[in-house]
N, C-alpha and C. Protein backbone atom coordinates (compact mmCIF):
# COMPACT_ATOMS: atom_id res chain seq x y z
N MET A 1 -186.63 23.75 116.22
CA MET A 1 -185.81 25.11 116.73
C MET A 1 -184.77 25.66 115.13
N SER A 2 -184.82 26.73 116.05
CA SER A 2 -183.55 27.30 114.42
C SER A 2 -182.39 27.24 115.01
N GLN A 3 -181.33 27.41 113.93
CA GLN A 3 -179.86 27.30 114.26
C GLN A 3 -179.53 28.51 116.03
N GLN A 4 -180.15 29.55 115.52
CA GLN A 4 -180.21 31.09 116.12
C GLN A 4 -180.98 30.99 117.76
N SER A 5 -181.26 29.81 118.05
CA SER A 5 -182.24 30.21 119.52
C SER A 5 -180.75 28.91 120.18
N LYS A 6 -180.62 27.76 119.59
CA LYS A 6 -180.14 27.33 120.11
C LYS A 6 -178.62 27.48 120.55
N ILE A 7 -177.79 28.84 119.83
CA ILE A 7 -176.66 29.47 119.69
C ILE A 7 -177.30 30.26 121.22
N ALA A 8 -177.91 31.30 121.13
CA ALA A 8 -178.84 31.68 122.31
C ALA A 8 -178.97 30.99 123.72
N ARG A 9 -179.38 30.28 123.89
CA ARG A 9 -179.43 29.00 124.57
C ARG A 9 -177.91 28.86 125.22
N ARG A 10 -177.32 28.08 124.70
CA ARG A 10 -175.87 27.56 125.03
C ARG A 10 -175.52 28.88 125.67
N THR A 11 -175.08 30.19 124.35
CA THR A 11 -175.17 31.13 125.57
C THR A 11 -175.11 31.98 126.30
N PHE A 12 -176.32 31.32 126.88
CA PHE A 12 -177.16 32.23 128.02
C PHE A 12 -176.68 31.28 128.60
N PHE A 13 -176.49 29.78 128.84
CA PHE A 13 -176.00 28.88 129.55
C PHE A 13 -174.41 28.94 130.01
N ALA A 14 -173.96 28.95 129.02
CA ALA A 14 -172.09 29.48 129.53
C ALA A 14 -171.81 30.66 129.86
N VAL A 15 -172.69 31.55 129.97
CA VAL A 15 -172.75 32.89 131.01
C VAL A 15 -172.92 33.10 132.31
N LEU A 16 -174.45 32.13 131.95
CA LEU A 16 -174.60 31.43 133.66
C LEU A 16 -173.57 30.69 134.56
N GLY A 17 -173.11 29.79 133.49
CA GLY A 17 -172.33 28.83 134.65
C GLY A 17 -170.76 29.53 134.80
N GLY A 18 -170.93 30.26 134.04
CA GLY A 18 -168.88 31.73 134.37
C GLY A 18 -169.07 31.87 135.24
N ALA A 19 -170.96 33.25 135.87
CA ALA A 19 -170.79 33.81 136.39
C ALA A 19 -171.12 32.64 138.48
N ALA A 20 -171.58 31.87 138.18
CA ALA A 20 -171.28 30.75 138.86
C ALA A 20 -170.75 30.37 139.34
N ALA A 21 -169.32 30.32 139.01
CA ALA A 21 -167.94 29.84 139.40
C ALA A 21 -166.88 31.11 139.73
N ALA A 22 -167.82 31.90 139.46
CA ALA A 22 -166.90 33.58 139.36
C ALA A 22 -167.69 33.49 140.88
N GLY A 23 -168.54 33.65 140.98
CA GLY A 23 -169.69 33.61 143.11
C GLY A 23 -168.02 32.76 144.19
N VAL A 24 -168.83 31.28 143.46
CA VAL A 24 -167.85 30.89 144.12
C VAL A 24 -166.33 30.75 144.33
N ALA A 25 -165.38 31.42 143.34
CA ALA A 25 -164.32 31.25 143.79
C ALA A 25 -163.71 32.83 144.88
N ALA A 26 -165.26 33.57 144.23
CA ALA A 26 -164.73 34.98 145.29
C ALA A 26 -165.76 34.62 146.83
N LYS A 27 -165.79 33.94 146.11
CA LYS A 27 -166.63 33.73 148.30
C LYS A 27 -165.41 32.51 148.96
N LEU A 28 -164.66 31.40 148.39
CA LEU A 28 -163.81 31.11 148.92
C LEU A 28 -162.85 32.24 149.27
N ALA A 29 -162.24 33.11 148.49
CA ALA A 29 -161.31 33.23 148.48
C ALA A 29 -161.49 34.50 149.81
N SER A 30 -162.42 34.47 149.61
CA SER A 30 -163.15 36.43 150.95
C SER A 30 -163.20 35.50 152.37
N SER A 31 -163.02 34.04 152.49
CA SER A 31 -163.36 33.34 153.75
C SER A 31 -162.15 33.79 155.20
N SER A 32 -161.73 33.57 156.16
CA SER A 32 -160.85 34.00 156.58
C SER A 32 -159.93 32.74 156.69
N PRO A 33 -158.76 32.15 156.54
CA PRO A 33 -158.43 31.50 157.10
C PRO A 33 -158.91 30.21 158.07
N PRO A 34 -157.93 29.09 157.95
CA PRO A 34 -158.62 28.37 158.88
C PRO A 34 -157.12 28.77 160.20
N LEU A 35 -158.10 28.64 161.58
CA LEU A 35 -157.34 28.82 162.72
C LEU A 35 -155.85 27.61 162.57
N PRO A 36 -155.25 27.91 163.59
CA PRO A 36 -153.91 26.93 163.74
C PRO A 36 -154.18 25.61 164.63
N ARG A 37 -154.19 24.80 165.37
CA ARG A 37 -154.37 23.89 166.02
C ARG A 37 -154.32 24.43 167.85
N ALA A 38 -153.02 25.71 167.91
CA ALA A 38 -153.67 25.83 169.07
C ALA A 38 -154.21 26.81 169.24
N ALA A 39 -154.33 27.41 168.21
CA ALA A 39 -155.95 28.85 167.89
C ALA A 39 -157.00 28.06 168.67
N GLU A 40 -157.61 26.89 167.95
CA GLU A 40 -158.61 25.88 168.35
C GLU A 40 -158.87 25.71 170.27
N ALA A 41 -157.62 25.17 170.50
CA ALA A 41 -157.72 24.44 171.56
C ALA A 41 -157.71 25.48 171.96
N ALA A 42 -156.89 26.94 172.34
CA ALA A 42 -157.21 28.12 173.59
C ALA A 42 -158.74 28.79 172.95
N LYS A 43 -159.15 28.50 171.90
CA LYS A 43 -160.61 28.92 171.39
C LYS A 43 -161.79 27.68 173.05
N GLU A 44 -161.72 26.66 172.86
CA GLU A 44 -162.20 25.55 173.17
C GLU A 44 -161.60 25.57 174.60
N ALA A 45 -160.31 26.08 175.30
CA ALA A 45 -159.97 26.64 176.47
C ALA A 45 -160.83 26.88 177.45
N GLN A 46 -161.33 28.26 176.54
CA GLN A 46 -161.75 29.63 177.39
C GLN A 46 -163.43 29.21 177.49
N GLY A 47 -163.93 27.58 177.27
CA GLY A 47 -165.80 27.58 177.54
C GLY A 47 -166.24 28.17 176.31
N ASP A 48 -165.72 27.88 175.29
CA ASP A 48 -166.54 28.38 174.30
C ASP A 48 -167.96 27.24 173.58
N SER A 49 -167.51 26.41 174.56
CA SER A 49 -168.31 24.44 174.03
C SER A 49 -170.03 24.69 174.74
N TYR A 50 -169.91 23.69 174.85
CA TYR A 50 -171.32 23.48 175.48
C TYR A 50 -170.94 24.46 177.11
N ARG A 51 -172.68 24.94 177.68
CA ARG A 51 -172.22 25.09 178.98
C ARG A 51 -173.90 24.88 179.46
N LEU A 52 -173.75 24.31 180.92
CA LEU A 52 -175.05 23.98 181.83
C LEU A 52 -176.02 25.33 181.78
N THR A 53 -176.73 25.54 180.99
CA THR A 53 -177.52 27.29 181.40
C THR A 53 -179.05 26.78 182.04
N ASP A 54 -179.27 27.81 182.59
CA ASP A 54 -180.77 27.16 183.88
C ASP A 54 -181.89 26.38 182.34
N HIS A 55 -181.42 27.43 181.46
CA HIS A 55 -182.67 26.49 180.40
C HIS A 55 -182.58 25.36 180.37
N ILE A 56 -181.37 24.74 180.55
CA ILE A 56 -181.37 23.11 180.16
C ILE A 56 -180.97 22.21 180.93
N LYS A 57 -181.13 22.70 182.14
CA LYS A 57 -181.72 22.46 183.35
C LYS A 57 -182.98 22.26 183.17
N LYS A 58 -183.82 23.41 183.03
CA LYS A 58 -185.42 22.99 182.83
C LYS A 58 -185.70 21.60 181.99
N TYR A 59 -184.92 22.15 181.01
CA TYR A 59 -185.39 20.78 180.08
C TYR A 59 -184.92 19.52 180.32
N TYR A 60 -183.86 19.27 180.83
CA TYR A 60 -183.13 17.61 181.32
C TYR A 60 -184.46 17.59 182.81
N ARG A 61 -184.84 18.12 182.89
CA ARG A 61 -186.35 18.77 184.01
C ARG A 61 -186.65 17.89 183.82
N THR A 62 -187.50 18.44 182.83
CA THR A 62 -188.41 18.53 181.68
C THR A 62 -188.86 16.77 181.45
N THR A 63 -187.52 16.49 180.52
CA THR A 63 -187.90 14.62 179.75
C THR A 63 -187.25 13.77 181.02
N THR A 64 -187.56 13.65 182.01
CA THR A 64 -186.90 12.21 183.19
C THR A 64 -188.49 11.90 182.89
N ILE A 65 -188.45 10.82 183.74
CA ILE A 65 -189.81 9.85 183.31
C ILE A 65 -190.18 9.63 184.85
């Protein structure tokens, strides 16, 4: 393999790695900051978690033996 093709391949992978790192950095920078503990507790108190809906009740009825 010639010296020129080795350099071109190394340059390609270096640019590819730099682009990947820049993409990850941009993704992390654009994410919203984490909610404070008080906001998380208030969100849970509103009922955003598990709810027993009709289709869940139907599923429970079908799993009984």
